[in-house]
């Protein structure tokens, strides 16, 4: 009986926790990695997609460059992440000079 209630508690916890906690699905509306990613287009995202891409790339001290914008439901906004001009990862590791400025 005790084992059965423990199994039910674990199952309930797994079903109640959000999917992004396990690394599944979209994180803040952006799907990608340190090389870039995609954002699903919608009218609500249109004014802020540059900020979303910049925030995603800033996790790796990179800047976002928008590569494609298809303003159709079901299409995506594509972007790539690059190190900014003049950025030296070795010096940044040793000196921790501050946050990376993002420019569009």
N, C-alpha and C. Protein backbone atom coordinates (compact mmCIF):
# COMPACT_ATOMS: atom_id res chain seq x y z
N UNK A 1 0.82 -1.19 0.00
CA UNK A 1 0.00 0.00 0.00
C UNK A 1 0.87 1.25 0.00
N UNK A 2 1.92 1.23 0.78
CA UNK A 2 2.81 2.37 0.87
C UNK A 2 3.52 2.61 -0.47
N UNK A 3 3.93 1.55 -1.15
CA UNK A 3 4.61 1.66 -2.44
C UNK A 3 3.66 2.21 -3.50
N UNK A 4 2.41 1.79 -3.43
CA UNK A 4 1.42 2.26 -4.40
C UNK A 4 1.15 3.75 -4.23
N UNK A 5 1.05 4.22 -3.00
CA UNK A 5 0.82 5.65 -2.77
C UNK A 5 2.04 6.47 -3.16
N UNK A 6 3.24 5.94 -2.98
CA UNK A 6 4.45 6.63 -3.40
C UNK A 6 4.50 6.75 -4.92
N UNK A 7 4.15 5.69 -5.60
CA UNK A 7 4.14 5.72 -7.07
C UNK A 7 3.11 6.72 -7.59
N UNK A 8 1.96 6.79 -6.95
CA UNK A 8 0.94 7.76 -7.37
C UNK A 8 1.39 9.19 -7.10
N UNK A 9 2.11 9.41 -6.00
CA UNK A 9 2.61 10.75 -5.70
C UNK A 9 3.66 11.19 -6.72
N UNK A 10 4.53 10.28 -7.13
CA UNK A 10 5.53 10.60 -8.14
C UNK A 10 4.88 10.89 -9.47
N UNK A 11 3.89 10.11 -9.85
CA UNK A 11 3.17 10.34 -11.10
C UNK A 11 2.44 11.67 -11.08
N UNK A 12 1.81 12.01 -9.97
CA UNK A 12 1.09 13.28 -9.86
C UNK A 12 2.05 14.46 -9.94
N UNK A 13 3.22 14.33 -9.32
CA UNK A 13 4.22 15.39 -9.38
C UNK A 13 4.74 15.58 -10.80
N UNK A 14 4.98 14.49 -11.50
CA UNK A 14 5.47 14.58 -12.88
C UNK A 14 4.44 15.22 -13.80
N UNK A 15 3.18 14.92 -13.60
CA UNK A 15 2.14 15.49 -14.45
C UNK A 15 1.82 16.93 -14.08
N UNK A 16 2.05 17.32 -12.85
CA UNK A 16 1.72 18.67 -12.42
C UNK A 16 2.83 19.67 -12.71
N UNK A 17 4.06 19.20 -12.86
CA UNK A 17 5.17 20.13 -13.08
C UNK A 17 5.18 20.61 -14.53
N UNK A 18 5.65 21.82 -14.78
CA UNK A 18 5.66 22.35 -16.14
C UNK A 18 6.64 21.59 -17.02
N UNK A 19 6.32 21.54 -18.30
CA UNK A 19 7.13 20.78 -19.24
C UNK A 19 8.51 21.40 -19.43
N UNK A 20 8.64 22.73 -19.36
CA UNK A 20 9.94 23.33 -19.59
C UNK A 20 10.93 23.03 -18.47
N UNK A 21 10.45 22.56 -17.32
CA UNK A 21 11.36 22.21 -16.24
C UNK A 21 12.20 20.99 -16.62
N UNK A 22 11.70 20.17 -17.52
CA UNK A 22 12.42 18.99 -17.96
C UNK A 22 13.16 19.21 -19.27
N UNK A 23 13.13 20.42 -19.80
CA UNK A 23 13.83 20.71 -21.03
C UNK A 23 13.01 20.45 -22.28
N UNK A 24 11.72 20.27 -22.15
CA UNK A 24 10.89 20.01 -23.31
C UNK A 24 10.24 21.30 -23.77
N UNK A 25 10.00 21.44 -25.04
CA UNK A 25 9.19 22.53 -25.56
C UNK A 25 9.92 23.86 -25.64
N UNK A 26 9.14 24.90 -25.66
CA UNK A 26 9.62 26.26 -25.87
C UNK A 26 9.95 26.91 -24.54
N UNK A 27 10.96 27.73 -24.55
CA UNK A 27 11.33 28.49 -23.37
C UNK A 27 11.15 29.96 -23.71
N UNK A 28 10.24 30.62 -23.08
CA UNK A 28 9.92 32.04 -23.33
C UNK A 28 9.56 32.30 -24.78
N UNK A 29 8.97 31.33 -25.47
CA UNK A 29 8.56 31.51 -26.85
C UNK A 29 9.67 31.33 -27.86
N UNK A 30 10.86 30.98 -27.41
CA UNK A 30 12.01 30.84 -28.31
C UNK A 30 12.51 29.40 -28.26
N UNK A 31 12.74 28.82 -29.43
CA UNK A 31 13.32 27.49 -29.53
C UNK A 31 14.69 27.63 -30.17
N UNK A 32 15.75 27.20 -29.51
CA UNK A 32 17.07 27.33 -30.10
C UNK A 32 18.17 26.94 -29.16
N UNK A 33 19.39 27.25 -29.59
CA UNK A 33 20.57 26.97 -28.78
C UNK A 33 21.55 28.13 -28.93
N UNK A 34 22.84 27.91 -28.66
CA UNK A 34 23.79 29.01 -28.70
C UNK A 34 24.11 29.48 -30.12
N UNK A 35 23.69 28.75 -31.13
CA UNK A 35 23.94 29.16 -32.51
C UNK A 35 22.81 29.95 -33.13
N UNK A 36 21.66 29.98 -32.49
CA UNK A 36 20.52 30.71 -33.02
C UNK A 36 19.23 30.01 -32.65
N UNK A 37 18.15 30.36 -33.38
CA UNK A 37 16.88 29.72 -33.07
C UNK A 37 15.75 30.30 -33.88
N UNK A 38 14.54 29.94 -33.47
CA UNK A 38 13.33 30.39 -34.15
C UNK A 38 12.31 30.86 -33.12
N UNK A 39 11.46 31.77 -33.57
CA UNK A 39 10.36 32.28 -32.76
C UNK A 39 9.11 32.13 -33.61
N UNK A 40 8.08 31.54 -33.07
CA UNK A 40 6.83 31.39 -33.80
C UNK A 40 6.18 32.75 -33.99
N UNK A 41 5.82 33.08 -35.24
CA UNK A 41 5.28 34.41 -35.53
C UNK A 41 3.82 34.51 -35.14
N UNK A 42 3.45 35.62 -34.55
CA UNK A 42 2.07 35.99 -34.28
C UNK A 42 2.03 37.51 -34.15
N UNK A 43 0.86 38.15 -34.28
CA UNK A 43 0.80 39.60 -34.15
C UNK A 43 1.27 40.10 -32.78
N UNK A 44 1.12 39.29 -31.74
CA UNK A 44 1.55 39.69 -30.41
C UNK A 44 3.08 39.72 -30.30
N UNK A 45 3.75 38.90 -31.07
CA UNK A 45 5.21 38.80 -31.02
C UNK A 45 5.87 39.85 -31.90
N UNK A 46 5.13 40.37 -32.89
CA UNK A 46 5.71 41.28 -33.88
C UNK A 46 6.47 42.47 -33.27
N UNK A 47 5.97 43.14 -32.24
CA UNK A 47 6.72 44.29 -31.73
C UNK A 47 7.93 43.92 -30.86
N UNK A 48 8.01 42.68 -30.38
CA UNK A 48 9.06 42.35 -29.40
C UNK A 48 9.97 41.21 -29.82
N UNK A 49 9.90 40.74 -31.07
CA UNK A 49 10.70 39.56 -31.42
C UNK A 49 12.20 39.86 -31.38
N UNK A 50 12.60 41.10 -31.64
CA UNK A 50 14.02 41.44 -31.55
C UNK A 50 14.52 41.34 -30.11
N UNK A 51 13.70 41.78 -29.17
CA UNK A 51 14.08 41.68 -27.75
C UNK A 51 14.13 40.22 -27.30
N UNK A 52 13.21 39.41 -27.81
CA UNK A 52 13.21 37.99 -27.44
C UNK A 52 14.47 37.31 -27.96
N UNK A 53 14.85 37.60 -29.20
CA UNK A 53 16.06 37.00 -29.76
C UNK A 53 17.31 37.50 -29.04
N UNK A 54 17.35 38.80 -28.72
CA UNK A 54 18.50 39.36 -28.01
C UNK A 54 18.63 38.75 -26.62
N UNK A 55 17.51 38.55 -25.93
CA UNK A 55 17.55 37.94 -24.61
C UNK A 55 18.02 36.49 -24.66
N UNK A 56 17.62 35.78 -25.72
CA UNK A 56 18.04 34.39 -25.87
C UNK A 56 19.55 34.30 -26.10
N UNK A 57 20.06 35.13 -26.99
CA UNK A 57 21.50 35.08 -27.31
C UNK A 57 22.37 35.64 -26.18
N UNK A 58 21.82 36.53 -25.37
CA UNK A 58 22.60 37.12 -24.28
C UNK A 58 22.99 36.08 -23.24
N UNK A 59 22.34 34.94 -23.21
CA UNK A 59 22.73 33.88 -22.26
C UNK A 59 24.13 33.38 -22.53
N UNK A 60 24.56 33.49 -23.79
CA UNK A 60 25.90 33.04 -24.18
C UNK A 60 26.81 34.21 -24.54
N UNK A 61 26.49 35.41 -24.06
CA UNK A 61 27.27 36.62 -24.34
C UNK A 61 27.40 36.86 -25.84
N UNK A 62 26.32 36.66 -26.56
CA UNK A 62 26.29 36.87 -28.00
C UNK A 62 25.19 37.87 -28.34
N UNK A 63 25.24 38.36 -29.58
CA UNK A 63 24.19 39.26 -30.06
C UNK A 63 23.37 38.53 -31.10
N UNK A 64 22.10 38.92 -31.23
CA UNK A 64 21.19 38.27 -32.17
C UNK A 64 21.16 39.02 -33.49
N UNK A 65 21.15 38.27 -34.58
CA UNK A 65 20.98 38.82 -35.91
C UNK A 65 19.78 38.13 -36.54
N UNK A 66 18.75 38.92 -36.85
CA UNK A 66 17.53 38.37 -37.44
C UNK A 66 17.82 38.00 -38.88
N UNK A 67 17.52 36.77 -39.27
CA UNK A 67 17.80 36.32 -40.63
C UNK A 67 16.56 36.24 -41.50
N UNK A 68 15.41 35.95 -40.92
CA UNK A 68 14.20 35.86 -41.73
C UNK A 68 12.98 36.14 -40.88
N UNK A 69 12.03 36.85 -41.49
CA UNK A 69 10.75 37.14 -40.84
C UNK A 69 9.66 36.83 -41.85
N UNK A 70 8.86 35.82 -41.56
CA UNK A 70 7.72 35.46 -42.40
C UNK A 70 6.46 35.79 -41.61
N UNK A 71 5.75 36.81 -42.05
CA UNK A 71 4.58 37.27 -41.30
C UNK A 71 3.34 36.49 -41.70
N UNK A 72 3.37 35.19 -41.43
CA UNK A 72 2.26 34.29 -41.74
C UNK A 72 2.12 33.33 -40.56
N UNK A 73 0.86 33.09 -40.15
CA UNK A 73 0.65 32.12 -39.07
C UNK A 73 1.22 30.77 -39.48
N UNK A 74 1.94 30.15 -38.56
CA UNK A 74 2.57 28.86 -38.83
C UNK A 74 4.01 28.98 -39.28
N UNK A 75 4.45 30.18 -39.63
CA UNK A 75 5.85 30.39 -40.00
C UNK A 75 6.63 30.93 -38.80
N UNK A 76 7.91 31.10 -39.02
CA UNK A 76 8.80 31.44 -37.92
C UNK A 76 9.67 32.65 -38.25
N UNK A 77 10.18 33.25 -37.21
CA UNK A 77 11.20 34.29 -37.30
C UNK A 77 12.52 33.61 -36.95
N UNK A 78 13.46 33.63 -37.87
CA UNK A 78 14.74 32.97 -37.65
C UNK A 78 15.81 33.97 -37.24
N UNK A 79 16.72 33.53 -36.40
CA UNK A 79 17.84 34.39 -35.99
C UNK A 79 19.05 33.53 -35.69
N UNK A 80 20.22 34.17 -35.77
CA UNK A 80 21.47 33.52 -35.42
C UNK A 80 22.13 34.32 -34.31
N UNK A 81 22.97 33.65 -33.54
CA UNK A 81 23.70 34.29 -32.45
C UNK A 81 25.19 34.35 -32.81
N UNK A 82 25.76 35.55 -32.73
CA UNK A 82 27.18 35.75 -33.02
C UNK A 82 27.82 36.52 -31.88
N UNK A 83 29.14 36.30 -31.73
CA UNK A 83 29.86 37.15 -30.81
C UNK A 83 29.95 38.55 -31.41
N UNK A 84 29.80 39.59 -30.60
CA UNK A 84 29.90 40.94 -31.14
C UNK A 84 31.32 41.25 -31.59
N UNK A 85 31.44 42.21 -32.48
CA UNK A 85 32.75 42.61 -32.99
C UNK A 85 33.62 43.12 -31.83
N UNK A 86 34.84 42.64 -31.78
CA UNK A 86 35.75 43.06 -30.73
C UNK A 86 35.65 42.25 -29.44
N UNK A 87 34.76 41.27 -29.38
CA UNK A 87 34.59 40.47 -28.17
C UNK A 87 35.62 39.35 -28.15
N UNK A 88 36.33 39.21 -27.06
CA UNK A 88 37.32 38.16 -26.90
C UNK A 88 36.87 37.26 -25.75
N UNK A 89 36.45 36.03 -26.04
CA UNK A 89 35.94 35.15 -24.97
C UNK A 89 36.98 34.85 -23.89
N UNK A 90 38.25 34.80 -24.24
CA UNK A 90 39.29 34.51 -23.25
C UNK A 90 39.40 35.66 -22.26
N UNK A 91 39.45 36.89 -22.78
CA UNK A 91 39.53 38.04 -21.89
C UNK A 91 38.26 38.18 -21.06
N UNK A 92 37.11 37.89 -21.64
CA UNK A 92 35.86 37.98 -20.89
C UNK A 92 35.84 36.97 -19.76
N UNK A 93 36.42 35.82 -19.97
CA UNK A 93 36.47 34.80 -18.93
C UNK A 93 37.32 35.28 -17.75
N UNK A 94 38.43 35.93 -18.04
CA UNK A 94 39.34 36.34 -16.97
C UNK A 94 38.95 37.66 -16.32
N UNK A 95 38.40 38.57 -17.10
CA UNK A 95 38.16 39.91 -16.57
C UNK A 95 36.69 40.19 -16.23
N UNK A 96 35.76 39.45 -16.78
CA UNK A 96 34.33 39.65 -16.50
C UNK A 96 33.99 41.13 -16.61
N UNK A 97 34.18 41.68 -17.78
CA UNK A 97 34.04 43.11 -18.00
C UNK A 97 32.63 43.65 -17.96
N UNK A 98 31.63 42.84 -17.79
CA UNK A 98 30.26 43.34 -17.73
C UNK A 98 29.39 42.70 -18.79
N UNK A 99 28.20 43.23 -18.92
CA UNK A 99 27.23 42.66 -19.84
C UNK A 99 27.55 43.05 -21.28
N UNK A 100 27.11 42.23 -22.21
CA UNK A 100 27.28 42.50 -23.63
C UNK A 100 26.20 43.46 -24.07
N UNK A 101 26.59 44.50 -24.80
CA UNK A 101 25.60 45.43 -25.35
C UNK A 101 24.95 44.78 -26.56
N UNK A 102 23.65 44.83 -26.63
CA UNK A 102 22.95 44.26 -27.77
C UNK A 102 22.52 45.37 -28.71
N UNK A 103 22.82 45.16 -29.99
CA UNK A 103 22.39 46.11 -31.03
C UNK A 103 21.63 45.32 -32.06
N UNK A 104 20.69 45.96 -32.70
CA UNK A 104 19.90 45.27 -33.73
C UNK A 104 20.41 45.70 -35.08
